[in-house]
Amino acid sequence: MLTYTALPLATIGIPMSTTPAQARFDAMYITSTALMQEVGVSRTAMLYARQRGWLPDAIVVNDGQLYIWERGPLQPYIDAWKLITGTRKKNAQGTAKA
């Protein structure tokens, strides 16, 4: 059995909720909107990645109006995505300065 340790949400830029239930939800799950904010990508990029199979299966809510993932299994994908987008942004900044 795998276990995951959640980071305090404030350390990754997600504000803490005022209710314990919301805090538990935020610690265990991440919505598509929160994922986009955390990684710094557009909704189109997130949907493209999901459709291409670059993200693990999501919990689909309201006929696809909202996608929710378990944070633990998604974290390696988030880390990789941040690394890729960060590298691209640094390369773009370096090209613009040259």
PDB file of N, CA and C in Angstrom:
ATOM      1  N   MET A   1       0.839  -1.185   0.000  1.00  0.00           N
ATOM      2  CA  MET A   1       0.000   0.000   0.000  1.00  0.00           C
ATOM      3  C   MET A   1       0.875   1.236   0.000  1.00  0.00           C
ATOM      4  N   LEU A   2       0.588   2.143  -0.894  1.00  0.00           N
ATOM      5  CA  LEU A   2       1.334   3.397  -0.970  1.00  0.00           C
ATOM      6  C   LEU A   2       0.723   4.427  -0.041  1.00  0.00           C
ATOM      7  N   THR A   3       1.569   5.222   0.555  1.00  0.00           N
ATOM      8  CA  THR A   3       1.089   6.340   1.353  1.00  0.00           C
ATOM      9  C   THR A   3       1.741   7.608   0.839  1.00  0.00           C
ATOM     10  N   TYR A   4       1.035   8.691   0.947  1.00  0.00           N
ATOM     11  CA  TYR A   4       1.524   9.976   0.463  1.00  0.00           C
ATOM     12  C   TYR A   4       1.480  10.985   1.595  1.00  0.00           C
ATOM     13  N   THR A   5       2.485  11.805   1.636  1.00  0.00           N
ATOM     14  CA  THR A   5       2.521  12.875   2.617  1.00  0.00           C
ATOM     15  C   THR A   5       2.229  14.183   1.905  1.00  0.00           C
ATOM     16  N   ALA A   6       1.170  14.836   2.320  1.00  0.00           N
ATOM     17  CA  ALA A   6       0.791  16.101   1.690  1.00  0.00           C
ATOM     18  C   ALA A   6       1.622  17.236   2.274  1.00  0.00           C
ATOM     19  N   LEU A   7       2.041  18.121   1.401  1.00  0.00           N
ATOM     20  CA  LEU A   7       2.720  19.331   1.854  1.00  0.00           C
ATOM     21  C   LEU A   7       1.686  20.299   2.409  1.00  0.00           C
ATOM     22  N   PRO A   8       2.056  21.131   3.359  1.00  0.00           N
ATOM     23  CA  PRO A   8       1.122  22.182   3.764  1.00  0.00           C
ATOM     24  C   PRO A   8       0.779  23.031   2.544  1.00  0.00           C
ATOM     25  N   LEU A   9      -0.488  23.241   2.305  1.00  0.00           N
ATOM     26  CA  LEU A   9      -0.924  23.914   1.091  1.00  0.00           C
ATOM     27  C   LEU A   9      -0.376  25.320   0.974  1.00  0.00           C
ATOM     28  N   ALA A  10      -0.199  25.992   2.092  1.00  0.00           N
ATOM     29  CA  ALA A  10       0.325  27.358   2.040  1.00  0.00           C
ATOM     30  C   ALA A  10       1.740  27.385   1.457  1.00  0.00           C
ATOM     31  N   THR A  11       2.501  26.293   1.604  1.00  0.00           N
ATOM     32  CA  THR A  11       3.870  26.262   1.085  1.00  0.00           C
ATOM     33  C   THR A  11       3.908  26.170  -0.427  1.00  0.00           C
ATOM     34  N   ILE A  12       2.812  25.766  -1.042  1.00  0.00           N
ATOM     35  CA  ILE A  12       2.779  25.680  -2.505  1.00  0.00           C
ATOM     36  C   ILE A  12       1.839  26.719  -3.099  1.00  0.00           C
ATOM     37  N   GLY A  13       1.507  27.737  -2.316  1.00  0.00           N
ATOM     38  CA  GLY A  13       0.758  28.859  -2.837  1.00  0.00           C
ATOM     39  C   GLY A  13      -0.751  28.688  -2.882  1.00  0.00           C
ATOM     40  N   ILE A  14      -1.282  27.695  -2.183  1.00  0.00           N
ATOM     41  CA  ILE A  14      -2.721  27.499  -2.155  1.00  0.00           C
ATOM     42  C   ILE A  14      -3.227  27.955  -0.792  1.00  0.00           C
ATOM     43  N   PRO A  15      -4.119  28.947  -0.774  1.00  0.00           N
ATOM     44  CA  PRO A  15      -4.589  29.459   0.508  1.00  0.00           C
ATOM     45  C   PRO A  15      -5.365  28.399   1.284  1.00  0.00           C
ATOM     46  N   MET A  16      -5.191  28.410   2.575  1.00  0.00           N
ATOM     47  CA  MET A  16      -5.911  27.470   3.431  1.00  0.00           C
ATOM     48  C   MET A  16      -7.353  27.920   3.593  1.00  0.00           C
ATOM     49  N   SER A  17      -8.222  26.964   3.686  1.00  0.00           N
ATOM     50  CA  SER A  17      -9.642  27.214   3.848  1.00  0.00           C
ATOM     51  C   SER A  17      -9.955  27.516   5.307  1.00  0.00           C
ATOM     52  N   THR A  18     -11.133  28.041   5.513  1.00  0.00           N
ATOM     53  CA  THR A  18     -11.550  28.331   6.884  1.00  0.00           C
ATOM     54  C   THR A  18     -12.282  27.153   7.504  1.00  0.00           C
ATOM     55  N   THR A  19     -12.714  26.182   6.712  1.00  0.00           N
ATOM     56  CA  THR A  19     -13.436  25.041   7.280  1.00  0.00           C
ATOM     57  C   THR A  19     -12.550  23.806   7.276  1.00  0.00           C
ATOM     58  N   PRO A  20     -12.660  22.983   8.310  1.00  0.00           N
ATOM     59  CA  PRO A  20     -11.858  21.749   8.356  1.00  0.00           C
ATOM     60  C   PRO A  20     -12.162  20.812   7.187  1.00  0.00           C
ATOM     61  N   ALA A  21     -13.420  20.726   6.780  1.00  0.00           N
ATOM     62  CA  ALA A  21     -13.774  19.845   5.667  1.00  0.00           C
ATOM     63  C   ALA A  21     -13.093  20.277   4.378  1.00  0.00           C
ATOM     64  N   GLN A  22     -13.088  21.588   4.122  1.00  0.00           N
ATOM     65  CA  GLN A  22     -12.433  22.092   2.913  1.00  0.00           C
ATOM     66  C   GLN A  22     -10.929  21.876   2.995  1.00  0.00           C
ATOM     67  N   ALA A  23     -10.356  22.062   4.160  1.00  0.00           N
ATOM     68  CA  ALA A  23      -8.920  21.846   4.332  1.00  0.00           C
ATOM     69  C   ALA A  23      -8.557  20.386   4.071  1.00  0.00           C
ATOM     70  N   ARG A  24      -9.376  19.442   4.545  1.00  0.00           N
ATOM     71  CA  ARG A  24      -9.134  18.022   4.280  1.00  0.00           C
ATOM     72  C   ARG A  24      -9.235  17.730   2.788  1.00  0.00           C
ATOM     73  N   PHE A  25     -10.245  18.306   2.143  1.00  0.00           N
ATOM     74  CA  PHE A  25     -10.403  18.116   0.700  1.00  0.00           C
ATOM     75  C   PHE A  25      -9.182  18.652  -0.038  1.00  0.00           C
ATOM     76  N   ASP A  26      -8.773  19.876   0.291  1.00  0.00           N
ATOM     77  CA  ASP A  26      -7.629  20.502  -0.377  1.00  0.00           C
ATOM     78  C   ASP A  26      -6.340  19.714  -0.160  1.00  0.00           C
ATOM     79  N   ALA A  27      -6.205  19.071   0.987  1.00  0.00           N
ATOM     80  CA  ALA A  27      -5.014  18.286   1.271  1.00  0.00           C
ATOM     81  C   ALA A  27      -4.986  16.986   0.469  1.00  0.00           C
ATOM     82  N   MET A  28      -6.152  16.439   0.167  1.00  0.00           N
ATOM     83  CA  MET A  28      -6.227  15.148  -0.518  1.00  0.00           C
ATOM     84  C   MET A  28      -6.413  15.253  -2.029  1.00  0.00           C
ATOM     85  N   TYR A  29      -7.047  16.330  -2.487  1.00  0.00           N
ATOM     86  CA  TYR A  29      -7.422  16.437  -3.892  1.00  0.00           C
ATOM     87  C   TYR A  29      -7.000  17.781  -4.471  1.00  0.00           C
ATOM     88  N   ILE A  30      -6.943  17.837  -5.789  1.00  0.00           N
ATOM     89  CA  ILE A  30      -6.675  19.092  -6.484  1.00  0.00           C
ATOM     90  C   ILE A  30      -7.628  19.178  -7.679  1.00  0.00           C
ATOM     91  N   THR A  31      -8.225  20.332  -7.848  1.00  0.00           N
ATOM     92  CA  THR A  31      -9.147  20.541  -8.966  1.00  0.00           C
ATOM     93  C   THR A  31      -8.364  20.989 -10.199  1.00  0.00           C
ATOM     94  N   SER A  32      -9.017  20.941 -11.332  1.00  0.00           N
ATOM     95  CA  SER A  32      -8.367  21.376 -12.573  1.00  0.00           C
ATOM     96  C   SER A  32      -7.953  22.846 -12.479  1.00  0.00           C
ATOM     97  N   THR A  33      -8.789  23.671 -11.868  1.00  0.00           N
ATOM     98  CA  THR A  33      -8.462  25.093 -11.725  1.00  0.00           C
ATOM     99  C   THR A  33      -7.223  25.284 -10.849  1.00  0.00           C
ATOM    100  N   ALA A  34      -7.176  24.582  -9.719  1.00  0.00           N
ATOM    101  CA  ALA A  34      -6.016  24.693  -8.832  1.00  0.00           C
ATOM    102  C   ALA A  34      -4.761  24.149  -9.507  1.00  0.00           C
ATOM    103  N   LEU A  35      -4.916  23.090 -10.294  1.00  0.00           N
ATOM    104  CA  LEU A  35      -3.779  22.528 -11.030  1.00  0.00           C
ATOM    105  C   LEU A  35      -3.223  23.546 -12.016  1.00  0.00           C
ATOM    106  N   MET A  36      -4.105  24.195 -12.752  1.00  0.00           N
ATOM    107  CA  MET A  36      -3.666  25.205 -13.719  1.00  0.00           C
ATOM    108  C   MET A  36      -2.925  26.340 -13.020  1.00  0.00           C
ATOM    109  N   GLN A  37      -3.443  26.781 -11.876  1.00  0.00           N
ATOM    110  CA  GLN A  37      -2.805  27.866 -11.128  1.00  0.00           C
ATOM    111  C   GLN A  37      -1.441  27.439 -10.589  1.00  0.00           C
ATOM    112  N   GLU A  38      -1.373  26.228 -10.069  1.00  0.00           N
ATOM    113  CA  GLU A  38      -0.123  25.759  -9.473  1.00  0.00           C
ATOM    114  C   GLU A  38       0.976  25.585 -10.523  1.00  0.00           C
ATOM    115  N   VAL A  39       0.613  25.060 -11.679  1.00  0.00           N
ATOM    116  CA  VAL A  39       1.601  24.789 -12.717  1.00  0.00           C
ATOM    117  C   VAL A  39       1.840  26.014 -13.595  1.00  0.00           C
ATOM    118  N   GLY A  40       0.844  26.890 -13.682  1.00  0.00           N
ATOM    119  CA  GLY A  40       0.976  28.094 -14.486  1.00  0.00           C
ATOM    120  C   GLY A  40       0.701  27.868 -15.961  1.00  0.00           C
ATOM    121  N   VAL A  41      -0.313  27.045 -16.246  1.00  0.00           N
ATOM    122  CA  VAL A  41      -0.680  26.768 -17.634  1.00  0.00           C
ATOM    123  C   VAL A  41      -2.138  27.143 -17.867  1.00  0.00           C
ATOM    124  N   SER A  42      -2.513  27.211 -19.127  1.00  0.00           N
ATOM    125  CA  SER A  42      -3.886  27.546 -19.497  1.00  0.00           C
ATOM    126  C   SER A  42      -4.793  26.328 -19.377  1.00  0.00           C
ATOM    127  N   ARG A  43      -6.083  26.567 -19.400  1.00  0.00           N
ATOM    128  CA  ARG A  43      -7.061  25.472 -19.383  1.00  0.00           C
ATOM    129  C   ARG A  43      -6.870  24.587 -20.607  1.00  0.00           C
ATOM    130  N   THR A  44      -6.577  25.195 -21.746  1.00  0.00           N
ATOM    131  CA  THR A  44      -6.363  24.432 -22.969  1.00  0.00           C
ATOM    132  C   THR A  44      -5.184  23.472 -22.816  1.00  0.00           C
ATOM    133  N   ALA A  45      -4.094  23.952 -22.237  1.00  0.00           N
ATOM    134  CA  ALA A  45      -2.916  23.101 -22.032  1.00  0.00           C
ATOM    135  C   ALA A  45      -3.228  21.954 -21.082  1.00  0.00           C
ATOM    136  N   MET A  46      -3.990  22.245 -20.020  1.00  0.00           N
ATOM    137  CA  MET A  46      -4.342  21.200 -19.066  1.00  0.00           C
ATOM    138  C   MET A  46      -5.240  20.158 -19.720  1.00  0.00           C
ATOM    139  N   LEU A  47      -6.229  20.596 -20.485  1.00  0.00           N
ATOM    140  CA  LEU A  47      -7.129  19.655 -21.165  1.00  0.00           C
ATOM    141  C   LEU A  47      -6.381  18.834 -22.206  1.00  0.00           C
ATOM    142  N   TYR A  48      -5.465  19.459 -22.917  1.00  0.00           N
ATOM    143  CA  TYR A  48      -4.663  18.750 -23.908  1.00  0.00           C
ATOM    144  C   TYR A  48      -3.835  17.651 -23.238  1.00  0.00           C
ATOM    145  N   ALA A  49      -3.194  17.990 -22.131  1.00  0.00           N
ATOM    146  CA  ALA A  49      -2.383  17.009 -21.401  1.00  0.00           C
ATOM    147  C   ALA A  49      -3.246  15.849 -20.908  1.00  0.00           C
ATOM    148  N   ARG A  50      -4.444  16.160 -20.433  1.00  0.00           N
ATOM    149  CA  ARG A  50      -5.344  15.107 -19.959  1.00  0.00           C
ATOM    150  C   ARG A  50      -5.777  14.211 -21.109  1.00  0.00           C
ATOM    151  N   GLN A  51      -6.139  14.813 -22.238  1.00  0.00           N
ATOM    152  CA  GLN A  51      -6.601  14.045 -23.398  1.00  0.00           C
ATOM    153  C   GLN A  51      -5.482  13.194 -23.996  1.00  0.00           C
ATOM    154  N   ARG A  52      -4.247  13.662 -23.939  1.00  0.00           N
ATOM    155  CA  ARG A  52      -3.112  12.909 -24.474  1.00  0.00           C
ATOM    156  C   ARG A  52      -2.659  11.796 -23.534  1.00  0.00           C
ATOM    157  N   GLY A  53      -3.234  11.734 -22.342  1.00  0.00           N
ATOM    158  CA  GLY A  53      -2.851  10.701 -21.386  1.00  0.00           C
ATOM    159  C   GLY A  53      -1.608  11.049 -20.595  1.00  0.00           C
ATOM    160  N   TRP A  54      -1.254  12.334 -20.564  1.00  0.00           N
ATOM    161  CA  TRP A  54      -0.072  12.774 -19.835  1.00  0.00           C
ATOM    162  C   TRP A  54      -0.348  12.982 -18.357  1.00  0.00           C
ATOM    163  N   LEU A  55      -1.603  12.874 -17.962  1.00  0.00           N
ATOM    164  CA  LEU A  55      -2.001  12.978 -16.557  1.00  0.00           C
ATOM    165  C   LEU A  55      -2.733  11.703 -16.177  1.00  0.00           C
ATOM    166  N   PRO A  56      -2.672  11.320 -14.912  1.00  0.00           N
ATOM    167  CA  PRO A  56      -3.415  10.126 -14.498  1.00  0.00           C
ATOM    168  C   PRO A  56      -4.920  10.374 -14.584  1.00  0.00           C
ATOM    169  N   ASP A  57      -5.676   9.302 -14.498  1.00  0.00           N
ATOM    170  CA  ASP A  57      -7.135   9.420 -14.567  1.00  0.00           C
ATOM    171  C   ASP A  57      -7.655  10.359 -13.488  1.00  0.00           C
ATOM    172  N   ALA A  58      -8.615  11.155 -13.887  1.00  0.00           N
ATOM    173  CA  ALA A  58      -9.220  12.136 -12.979  1.00  0.00           C
ATOM    174  C   ALA A  58     -10.603  11.668 -12.563  1.00  0.00           C
ATOM    175  N   ILE A  59     -11.097  12.268 -11.512  1.00  0.00           N
ATOM    176  CA  ILE A  59     -12.493  12.115 -11.117  1.00  0.00           C
ATOM    177  C   ILE A  59     -13.249  13.158 -11.923  1.00  0.00           C
ATOM    178  N   VAL A  60     -14.213  12.718 -12.703  1.00  0.00           N
ATOM    179  CA  VAL A  60     -14.961  13.618 -13.574  1.00  0.00           C
ATOM    180  C   VAL A  60     -16.250  14.026 -12.867  1.00  0.00           C
ATOM    181  N   VAL A  61     -16.487  15.327 -12.768  1.00  0.00           N
ATOM    182  CA  VAL A  61     -17.658  15.853 -12.077  1.00  0.00           C
ATOM    183  C   VAL A  61     -18.498  16.647 -13.076  1.00  0.00           C
ATOM    184  N   ASN A  62     -19.803  16.486 -12.978  1.00  0.00           N
ATOM    185  CA  ASN A  62     -20.752  17.275 -13.766  1.00  0.00           C
ATOM    186  C   ASN A  62     -20.491  17.155 -15.266  1.00  0.00           C
ATOM    187  N   ASP A  63     -20.401  15.913 -15.729  1.00  0.00           N
ATOM    188  CA  ASP A  63     -20.194  15.635 -17.159  1.00  0.00           C
ATOM    189  C   ASP A  63     -18.973  16.331 -17.744  1.00  0.00           C
ATOM    190  N   GLY A  64     -17.892  16.387 -16.985  1.00  0.00           N
ATOM    191  CA  GLY A  64     -16.644  16.952 -17.495  1.00  0.00           C
ATOM    192  C   GLY A  64     -16.473  18.436 -17.279  1.00  0.00           C
ATOM    193  N   GLN A  65     -17.376  19.056 -16.531  1.00  0.00           N
ATOM    194  CA  GLN A  65     -17.215  20.479 -16.234  1.00  0.00           C
ATOM    195  C   GLN A  65     -16.091  20.715 -15.229  1.00  0.00           C
ATOM    196  N   LEU A  66     -15.779  19.682 -14.456  1.00  0.00           N
ATOM    197  CA  LEU A  66     -14.733  19.789 -13.448  1.00  0.00           C
ATOM    198  C   LEU A  66     -13.996  18.465 -13.366  1.00  0.00           C
ATOM    199  N   TYR A  67     -12.679  18.538 -13.276  1.00  0.00           N
ATOM    200  CA  TYR A  67     -11.844  17.360 -13.073  1.00  0.00           C
ATOM    201  C   TYR A  67     -11.141  17.512 -11.735  1.00  0.00           C
ATOM    202  N   ILE A  68     -11.067  16.408 -11.005  1.00  0.00           N
ATOM    203  CA  ILE A  68     -10.411  16.395  -9.696  1.00  0.00           C
ATOM    204  C   ILE A  68      -9.447  15.214  -9.677  1.00  0.00           C
ATOM    205  N   TRP A  69      -8.250  15.448  -9.146  1.00  0.00           N
ATOM    206  CA  TRP A  69      -7.271  14.391  -9.009  1.00  0.00           C
ATOM    207  C   TRP A  69      -6.900  14.214  -7.546  1.00  0.00           C
ATOM    208  N   GLU A  70      -6.474  13.008  -7.204  1.00  0.00           N
ATOM    209  CA  GLU A  70      -5.865  12.794  -5.904  1.00  0.00           C
ATOM    210  C   GLU A  70      -4.472  13.416  -5.969  1.00  0.00           C
ATOM    211  N   ARG A  71      -4.120  14.178  -4.961  1.00  0.00           N
ATOM    212  CA  ARG A  71      -2.848  14.906  -4.984  1.00  0.00           C
ATOM    213  C   ARG A  71      -1.635  13.974  -5.027  1.00  0.00           C
ATOM    214  N   GLY A  72      -1.649  12.945  -4.209  1.00  0.00           N
ATOM    215  CA  GLY A  72      -0.478  12.059  -4.112  1.00  0.00           C
ATOM    216  C   GLY A  72      -0.038  11.495  -5.446  1.00  0.00           C
ATOM    217  N   PRO A  73      -0.912  10.775  -6.148  1.00  0.00           N
ATOM    218  CA  PRO A  73      -0.506  10.206  -7.437  1.00  0.00           C
ATOM    219  C   PRO A  73      -0.208  11.263  -8.502  1.00  0.00           C
ATOM    220  N   LEU A  74      -0.795  12.455  -8.391  1.00  0.00           N
ATOM    221  CA  LEU A  74      -0.596  13.499  -9.391  1.00  0.00           C
ATOM    222  C   LEU A  74       0.695  14.286  -9.168  1.00  0.00           C
ATOM    223  N   GLN A  75       1.234  14.266  -7.953  1.00  0.00           N
ATOM    224  CA  GLN A  75       2.377  15.116  -7.622  1.00  0.00           C
ATOM    225  C   GLN A  75       3.584  14.938  -8.546  1.00  0.00           C
ATOM    226  N   PRO A  76       3.973  13.713  -8.931  1.00  0.00           N
ATOM    227  CA  PRO A  76       5.109  13.590  -9.862  1.00  0.00           C
ATOM    228  C   PRO A  76       4.848  14.282 -11.204  1.00  0.00           C
ATOM    229  N   TYR A  77       3.603  14.261 -11.661  1.00  0.00           N
ATOM    230  CA  TYR A  77       3.248  14.929 -12.911  1.00  0.00           C
ATOM    231  C   TYR A  77       3.339  16.452 -12.748  1.00  0.00           C
ATOM    232  N   ILE A  78       2.877  16.945 -11.602  1.00  0.00           N
ATOM    233  CA  ILE A  78       2.959  18.383 -11.325  1.00  0.00           C
ATOM    234  C   ILE A  78       4.421  18.828 -11.294  1.00  0.00           C
ATOM    235  N   ASP A  79       5.249  18.062 -10.596  1.00  0.00           N
ATOM    236  CA  ASP A  79       6.669  18.409 -10.498  1.00  0.00           C
ATOM    237  C   ASP A  79       7.335  18.435 -11.875  1.00  0.00           C
ATOM    238  N   ALA A  80       7.044  17.427 -12.697  1.00  0.00           N
ATOM    239  CA  ALA A  80       7.628  17.370 -14.036  1.00  0.00           C
ATOM    240  C   ALA A  80       7.134  18.532 -14.893  1.00  0.00           C
ATOM    241  N   TRP A  81       5.853  18.830 -14.785  1.00  0.00           N
ATOM    242  CA  TRP A  81       5.280  19.908 -15.589  1.00  0.00           C
ATOM    243  C   TRP A  81       5.900  21.253 -15.208  1.00  0.00           C
ATOM    244  N   LYS A  82       6.087  21.467 -13.894  1.00  0.00           N
ATOM    245  CA  LYS A  82       6.725  22.706 -13.437  1.00  0.00           C
ATOM    246  C   LYS A  82       8.153  22.805 -13.960  1.00  0.00           C
ATOM    247  N   LEU A  83       8.862  21.697 -13.964  1.00  0.00           N
ATOM    248  CA  LEU A  83      10.232  21.685 -14.456  1.00  0.00           C
ATOM    249  C   LEU A  83      10.265  22.041 -15.938  1.00  0.00           C
ATOM    250  N   ILE A  84       9.370  21.448 -16.716  1.00  0.00           N
ATOM    251  CA  ILE A  84       9.323  21.707 -18.159  1.00  0.00           C
ATOM    252  C   ILE A  84       8.933  23.155 -18.443  1.00  0.00           C
ATOM    253  N   THR A  85       7.871  23.626 -17.803  1.00  0.00           N
ATOM    254  CA  THR A  85       7.423  24.990 -18.076  1.00  0.00           C
ATOM    255  C   THR A  85       8.435  26.008 -17.555  1.00  0.00           C
ATOM    256  N   GLY A  86       9.081  25.711 -16.438  1.00  0.00           N
ATOM    257  CA  GLY A  86      10.104  26.610 -15.909  1.00  0.00           C
ATOM    258  C   GLY A  86      11.296  26.704 -16.843  1.00  0.00           C
ATOM    259  N   THR A  87      11.704  25.578 -17.413  1.00  0.00           N
ATOM    260  CA  THR A  87      12.818  25.567 -18.362  1.00  0.00           C
ATOM    261  C   THR A  87      12.463  26.355 -19.607  1.00  0.00           C
ATOM    262  N   ARG A  88      11.234  26.156 -20.103  1.00  0.00           N
ATOM    263  CA  ARG A  88      10.818  26.889 -21.299  1.00  0.00           C
ATOM    264  C   ARG A  88      10.772  28.385 -21.037  1.00  0.00           C
ATOM    265  N   LYS A  89      10.279  28.780 -19.872  1.00  0.00           N
ATOM    266  CA  LYS A  89      10.203  30.207 -19.548  1.00  0.00           C
ATOM    267  C   LYS A  89      11.596  30.810 -19.440  1.00  0.00           C
ATOM    268  N   LYS A  90      12.528  30.075 -18.812  1.00  0.00           N
ATOM    269  CA  LYS A  90      13.904  30.573 -18.700  1.00  0.00           C
ATOM    270  C   LYS A  90      14.550  30.702 -20.075  1.00  0.00           C
ATOM    271  N   ASN A  91      14.320  29.722 -20.946  1.00  0.00           N
ATOM    272  CA  ASN A  91      14.886  29.784 -22.299  1.00  0.00           C
ATOM    273  C   ASN A  91      14.294  30.950 -23.077  1.00  0.00           C
ATOM    274  N   ALA A  92      12.992  31.177 -22.919  1.00  0.00           N
ATOM    275  CA  ALA A  92      12.344  32.285 -23.619  1.00  0.00           C
ATOM    276  C   ALA A  92      12.885  33.618 -23.123  1.00  0.00           C
ATOM    277  N   GLN A  93      13.113  33.731 -21.822  1.00  0.00           N
ATOM    278  CA  GLN A  93      13.663  34.977 -21.265  1.00  0.00           C
ATOM    279  C   GLN A  93      15.082  35.210 -21.745  1.00  0.00           C
ATOM    280  N   GLY A  94      15.862  34.139 -21.835  1.00  0.00           N
ATOM    281  CA  GLY A  94      17.240  34.255 -22.307  1.00  0.00           C
ATOM    282  C   GLY A  94      17.294  34.671 -23.763  1.00  0.00           C
ATOM    283  N   THR A  95      16.373  34.164 -24.564  1.00  0.00           N
ATOM    284  CA  THR A  95      16.309  34.517 -25.982  1.00  0.00           C
ATOM    285  C   THR A  95      15.886  35.958 -26.151  1.00  0.00           C
ATOM    286  N   ALA A  96      14.942  36.403 -25.326  1.00  0.00           N
ATOM    287  CA  ALA A  96      14.453  37.786 -25.428  1.00  0.00           C
ATOM    288  C   ALA A  96      15.535  38.793 -25.057  1.00  0.00           C
ATOM    289  N   LYS A  97      16.417  38.437 -24.119  1.00  0.00           N
ATOM    290  CA  LYS A  97      17.471  39.338 -23.676  1.00  0.00           C
ATOM    291  C   LYS A  97      18.615  39.429 -24.686  1.00  0.00           C
ATOM    292  N   ALA A  98      18.791  38.378 -25.454  1.00  0.00           N
ATOM    293  CA  ALA A  98      19.934  38.324 -26.377  1.00  0.00           C
ATOM    294  C   ALA A  98      19.798  39.246 -27.552  1.00  0.00           C
TER     295      ALA A  98
END
